[in-house]
N, C-alpha and C. Protein backbone atom coordinates (compact mmCIF):
# COMPACT_ATOMS: atom_id res chain seq x y z
N MET A 1 51.64 51.66 151.65
CA MET A 1 50.83 50.97 152.96
C MET A 1 51.09 51.96 153.42
N SER A 2 49.83 51.87 153.86
CA SER A 2 49.62 53.22 154.67
C SER A 2 49.61 53.59 156.81
N ASP A 3 50.42 54.40 157.22
CA ASP A 3 50.78 53.93 158.66
C ASP A 3 49.81 53.57 159.58
N ASP A 4 48.26 53.55 159.06
CA ASP A 4 47.65 53.15 160.28
C ASP A 4 46.72 51.70 160.13
N LYS A 5 47.74 51.02 158.67
CA LYS A 5 47.29 49.86 158.73
C LYS A 5 48.35 49.33 159.63
N ALA A 6 48.01 47.61 159.92
CA ALA A 6 48.56 46.79 160.58
C ALA A 6 49.81 45.72 159.43
N VAL A 7 50.56 45.64 160.75
CA VAL A 7 52.17 44.99 159.36
C VAL A 7 51.80 44.19 159.40
N ASN A 8 51.77 43.53 158.43
CA ASN A 8 52.06 41.87 157.81
C ASN A 8 52.64 41.10 159.24
N PRO A 9 52.02 40.08 159.73
CA PRO A 9 52.99 39.01 160.07
C PRO A 9 53.92 38.17 158.96
N LEU A 10 53.31 37.89 157.53
CA LEU A 10 54.49 37.64 157.12
C LEU A 10 55.72 37.82 156.39
N ARG A 11 55.44 39.56 156.59
CA ARG A 11 55.88 40.50 156.18
C ARG A 11 56.72 39.86 157.32
N VAL A 12 57.07 40.56 158.34
CA VAL A 12 57.62 40.78 159.30
C VAL A 12 59.23 39.51 159.21
N ALA A 13 58.24 38.37 159.24
CA ALA A 13 58.47 36.82 158.90
C ALA A 13 59.57 36.67 158.18
N LEU A 14 59.20 37.53 156.66
CA LEU A 14 60.24 37.70 155.71
C LEU A 14 61.13 38.17 155.28
N GLN A 15 60.99 39.41 156.27
CA GLN A 15 62.82 40.39 156.87
C GLN A 15 63.70 38.98 157.88
N HIS A 16 62.64 39.13 159.13
CA HIS A 16 63.10 37.97 159.52
C HIS A 16 64.53 37.28 158.34
N ILE A 17 63.74 36.02 158.18
CA ILE A 17 64.55 35.08 157.28
C ILE A 17 65.68 35.57 155.85
N GLU A 18 65.08 37.09 155.43
CA GLU A 18 66.18 37.49 154.39
C GLU A 18 67.48 38.00 155.12
N GLU A 19 67.37 38.01 156.44
CA GLU A 19 68.34 38.40 157.09
C GLU A 19 69.72 37.28 157.47
N GLN A 20 68.78 35.98 158.05
CA GLN A 20 69.42 34.81 157.98
C GLN A 20 69.63 34.45 156.94
N LEU A 21 69.01 34.10 156.27
CA LEU A 21 70.05 33.92 154.82
C LEU A 21 71.34 34.69 154.55
N ASP A 22 70.73 35.90 154.50
CA ASP A 22 71.92 36.71 154.21
C ASP A 22 72.99 36.25 155.21
N ASP A 23 72.75 36.28 156.36
CA ASP A 23 73.98 35.62 157.48
C ASP A 23 75.06 34.20 157.31
N ARG A 24 74.41 33.80 156.53
CA ARG A 24 74.87 32.81 156.30
C ARG A 24 74.93 32.81 154.89
N VAL A 25 74.25 33.34 154.29
CA VAL A 25 75.34 33.39 152.91
C VAL A 25 76.93 34.39 152.67
N ASP A 26 77.14 34.87 153.73
CA ASP A 26 77.86 35.84 153.92
C ASP A 26 79.21 35.10 154.76
N ALA A 27 78.69 33.63 155.21
CA ALA A 27 79.28 32.84 156.57
C ALA A 27 80.39 32.01 155.41
N LEU A 28 79.18 31.81 153.84
CA LEU A 28 79.56 30.98 153.04
C LEU A 28 80.77 31.76 152.60
N ASN A 29 80.68 33.21 152.09
CA ASN A 29 81.48 33.75 151.60
C ASN A 29 83.04 33.72 151.55
N ASP A 30 82.35 33.97 152.81
CA ASP A 30 84.14 33.56 153.79
C ASP A 30 84.90 32.84 154.22
N ALA A 31 84.08 31.07 153.39
CA ALA A 31 85.36 30.03 154.04
C ALA A 31 86.37 30.66 152.70
N GLY A 32 87.34 29.40 153.70
CA GLY A 32 88.11 29.63 151.67
C GLY A 32 88.19 28.22 151.14
N PRO A 33 89.17 27.96 150.36
CA PRO A 33 88.85 26.96 149.42
C PRO A 33 89.22 25.57 150.03
N SER A 34 88.01 24.76 150.10
CA SER A 34 87.78 23.28 150.68
C SER A 34 89.32 22.16 150.97
N SER A 35 89.89 22.33 150.08
CA SER A 35 91.18 21.83 150.23
C SER A 35 92.16 23.03 151.26
N GLU A 36 91.88 23.68 152.42
CA GLU A 36 92.47 24.23 153.23
C GLU A 36 91.88 24.02 154.37
N GLU A 37 90.76 23.78 153.99
CA GLU A 37 89.85 23.76 155.15
C GLU A 37 89.78 22.19 155.96
N SER A 38 89.73 22.91 157.39
CA SER A 38 90.02 21.69 158.28
C SER A 38 88.69 20.81 158.59
N THR A 39 88.33 19.47 158.63
CA THR A 39 87.67 18.77 158.54
C THR A 39 85.74 19.82 159.48
N ALA A 40 86.77 20.07 160.69
CA ALA A 40 85.71 20.45 161.21
C ALA A 40 84.91 21.62 160.73
N ASP A 41 85.50 22.53 160.60
CA ASP A 41 85.25 23.56 159.44
C ASP A 41 84.57 23.37 157.98
N LEU A 42 85.18 21.98 157.53
CA LEU A 42 84.70 21.30 156.24
C LEU A 42 82.65 20.89 156.81
N ILE A 43 82.43 20.72 158.30
CA ILE A 43 81.44 19.98 158.74
C ILE A 43 80.28 21.52 158.69
N HIS A 44 81.24 22.12 159.64
CA HIS A 44 80.32 24.20 159.88
C HIS A 44 80.13 24.57 158.47
N LEU A 45 80.98 24.22 157.18
CA LEU A 45 80.14 24.23 156.30
C LEU A 45 78.83 24.18 155.27
N GLU A 46 79.08 22.38 155.84
CA GLU A 46 78.11 21.84 155.66
C GLU A 46 76.39 22.06 156.36
N GLU A 47 77.27 22.09 157.85
CA GLU A 47 75.88 22.96 158.31
C GLU A 47 74.86 24.41 157.65
N THR A 48 76.03 24.87 157.61
CA THR A 48 75.89 26.44 157.00
C THR A 48 74.93 26.67 155.03
N LEU A 49 75.07 25.55 154.29
CA LEU A 49 74.39 25.02 153.32
C LEU A 49 73.27 24.77 154.01
N SER A 50 73.47 24.00 154.72
CA SER A 50 72.21 22.75 154.83
C SER A 50 70.91 24.85 155.58
N SER A 51 71.77 24.76 156.48
CA SER A 51 70.69 25.87 156.95
C SER A 51 70.05 26.79 155.52
N ALA A 52 70.84 27.50 155.05
CA ALA A 52 70.40 27.90 154.56
C ALA A 52 69.61 27.65 153.23
N GLN A 53 69.50 26.26 152.64
CA GLN A 53 69.20 25.67 151.84
C GLN A 53 67.67 25.76 152.61
N ASP A 54 67.70 25.52 153.46
CA ASP A 54 65.81 25.64 154.25
C ASP A 54 65.56 27.55 154.49
N LYS A 55 66.56 27.97 154.77
CA LYS A 55 65.92 29.54 155.16
C LYS A 55 65.44 29.84 153.15
N ALA A 56 66.02 30.21 152.35
CA ALA A 56 65.45 29.96 151.24
C ALA A 56 63.91 29.35 150.69
N LYS A 57 64.42 28.35 151.41
CA LYS A 57 62.71 26.97 151.11
C LYS A 57 62.00 28.16 151.82
N LYS A 58 62.47 28.38 152.87
CA LYS A 58 61.17 28.77 153.33
C LYS A 58 60.62 30.18 153.25
N LEU A 59 62.02 30.90 152.40
CA LEU A 59 61.31 32.56 151.31
C LEU A 59 60.69 32.44 150.11
N VAL A 60 61.10 31.29 149.42
CA VAL A 60 60.23 31.25 148.74
C VAL A 60 58.56 30.40 149.40
N THR A 61 58.69 30.24 150.16
CA THR A 61 57.03 29.52 150.21
C THR A 61 56.36 31.36 151.01
N LEU A 62 56.73 31.62 151.59
CA LEU A 62 56.57 32.98 152.30
C LEU A 62 56.39 34.25 151.36
N ARG A 63 57.03 34.13 149.85
CA ARG A 63 56.41 34.66 148.76
C ARG A 63 55.56 34.66 148.16
N LEU A 64 55.52 33.38 148.43
CA LEU A 64 53.75 32.98 147.38
C LEU A 64 52.92 33.59 148.22
N LYS A 65 52.95 33.09 149.33
CA LYS A 65 52.11 33.12 149.88
C LYS A 65 51.92 34.99 149.80
N LEU A 66 52.76 35.63 150.52
CA LEU A 66 52.23 36.92 150.25
C LEU A 66 51.98 37.98 148.97
N ASP A 67 52.02 36.74 147.74
CA ASP A 67 51.87 36.87 146.76
C ASP A 67 50.20 36.33 146.34
N GLU A 68 49.83 36.00 146.66
CA GLU A 68 48.77 34.96 146.24
C GLU A 68 47.69 36.38 147.53
N GLU A 69 48.31 36.50 148.77
CA GLU A 69 47.51 37.49 149.42
C GLU A 69 47.48 38.98 148.63
N GLU A 70 47.79 39.42 147.65
CA GLU A 70 48.31 40.83 147.25
C GLU A 70 47.45 40.51 146.11
N ALA A 71 47.31 39.57 145.34
CA ALA A 71 46.63 39.11 144.03
C ALA A 71 45.12 38.57 144.42
N ASN A 72 44.78 38.20 145.85
CA ASN A 72 43.42 38.80 146.78
C ASN A 72 43.07 38.08 147.69
N PRO A 73 42.88 39.70 148.35
CA PRO A 73 43.35 39.37 149.83
C PRO A 73 41.76 39.58 150.11
N ALA A 74 41.07 38.81 149.17
CA ALA A 74 39.40 38.60 149.65
C ALA A 74 39.83 37.72 150.21
N ALA A 75 39.89 36.51 149.30
CA ALA A 75 40.38 35.35 149.54
C ALA A 75 40.94 35.15 151.50
N GLU A 76 41.90 36.21 151.35
CA GLU A 76 42.92 35.36 152.11
C GLU A 76 41.72 36.19 154.03
N THR A 77 40.85 36.56 153.51
CA THR A 77 40.22 37.22 154.18
C THR A 77 38.71 36.18 154.75
N VAL A 78 38.40 35.39 154.41
CA VAL A 78 38.06 34.11 154.41
C VAL A 78 38.44 33.41 154.71
N ARG A 79 39.54 33.14 154.35
CA ARG A 79 41.04 31.76 154.64
C ARG A 79 41.00 32.50 156.32
N HIS A 80 40.50 33.70 156.67
CA HIS A 80 40.90 33.90 157.97
C HIS A 80 40.11 33.57 159.30
N GLU A 81 38.69 33.87 158.53
CA GLU A 81 37.42 33.01 159.40
C GLU A 81 37.35 31.98 159.52
N GLU A 82 37.31 31.86 157.74
CA GLU A 82 37.00 29.97 158.59
C GLU A 82 37.70 30.05 159.41
N HIS A 83 38.91 29.91 159.47
CA HIS A 83 40.50 29.54 160.63
C HIS A 83 39.54 30.22 162.25
N GLU A 84 38.97 31.21 162.16
CA GLU A 84 38.77 31.48 163.69
C GLU A 84 37.27 30.84 163.45
N ALA A 85 36.79 30.45 162.09
CA ALA A 85 35.36 29.36 162.91
C ALA A 85 35.65 27.78 163.03
N HIS A 86 36.82 28.15 162.93
CA HIS A 86 37.51 26.51 163.26
C HIS A 86 38.10 26.29 164.33
N ASP A 87 38.62 27.50 165.39
CA ASP A 87 38.69 28.14 166.33
C ASP A 87 37.60 27.87 167.39
N ASP A 88 36.67 28.46 166.92
CA ASP A 88 35.27 28.18 168.03
C ASP A 88 34.47 27.01 168.22
N ALA A 89 34.94 25.99 167.44
CA ALA A 89 34.01 25.05 167.05
C ALA A 89 34.51 23.89 167.82
N PRO A 90 33.63 22.85 168.69
CA PRO A 90 34.25 21.96 169.77
C PRO A 90 35.43 20.71 168.57
N PRO A 91 35.87 19.87 169.56
CA PRO A 91 36.82 19.51 168.63
C PRO A 91 36.83 17.99 168.16
N ALA A 92 36.33 17.94 167.11
CA ALA A 92 35.74 16.04 166.17
C ALA A 92 36.05 15.18 167.51
N ALA A 93 35.06 14.69 167.47
CA ALA A 93 35.15 13.08 167.85
C ALA A 93 36.10 12.29 166.93
N PRO A 94 36.38 11.23 167.84
CA PRO A 94 37.46 10.36 166.74
C PRO A 94 37.40 9.88 165.73
N GLY A 95 37.93 10.10 164.66
CA GLY A 95 37.26 9.12 163.42
C GLY A 95 36.50 10.31 162.40
N GLU A 96 36.35 11.47 163.41
CA GLU A 96 35.52 12.56 162.13
C GLU A 96 36.21 13.41 161.80
N THR A 97 35.75 14.40 160.84
CA THR A 97 36.49 15.71 160.91
C THR A 97 35.86 16.81 160.22
N ARG A 98 36.24 18.06 161.39
CA ARG A 98 35.57 18.99 161.41
C ARG A 98 35.30 19.96 159.97
N ARG A 99 34.55 20.06 160.13
CA ARG A 99 33.68 20.95 158.63
C ARG A 99 33.17 22.64 158.88
N SER A 100 34.11 22.36 158.14
CA SER A 100 33.67 24.15 157.89
C SER A 100 32.15 24.50 157.91
N PRO A 101 31.92 25.89 158.63
CA PRO A 101 30.07 25.72 158.41
C PRO A 101 29.99 25.90 157.06
N GLU A 102 29.87 26.15 156.02
CA GLU A 102 29.78 26.43 154.67
C GLU A 102 29.48 25.14 154.13
N THR A 103 29.96 23.81 155.01
CA THR A 103 30.42 22.89 154.19
C THR A 103 29.08 21.67 154.30
N PRO A 104 28.70 21.00 153.54
CA PRO A 104 27.00 20.90 153.91
C PRO A 104 27.48 19.22 154.99
N SER A 105 26.52 19.08 155.39
CA SER A 105 26.52 17.88 155.66
C SER A 105 26.47 16.47 155.14
């Protein structure tokens, strides 16, 4: 990637979530045997495990999105343009759905 290209916000988010997951895994590695942990420590461990699971799921989603973008950059441009078109369109009336400009009525 050249320096004049904009940084992909998905890559920034990916790096941030990777760091968060690493922090949680490190915290889990610092835990002692469960038989020696207090109930409060076990509750904290449970919360850390849940948070680590959530971060791992987010990483998978972001990596899949990035893989898709890299495999088909033209499709991402189309999706971005469609999103902008929807942003400019007036809100749909109750019971109606907004259609993209390419969708026939």
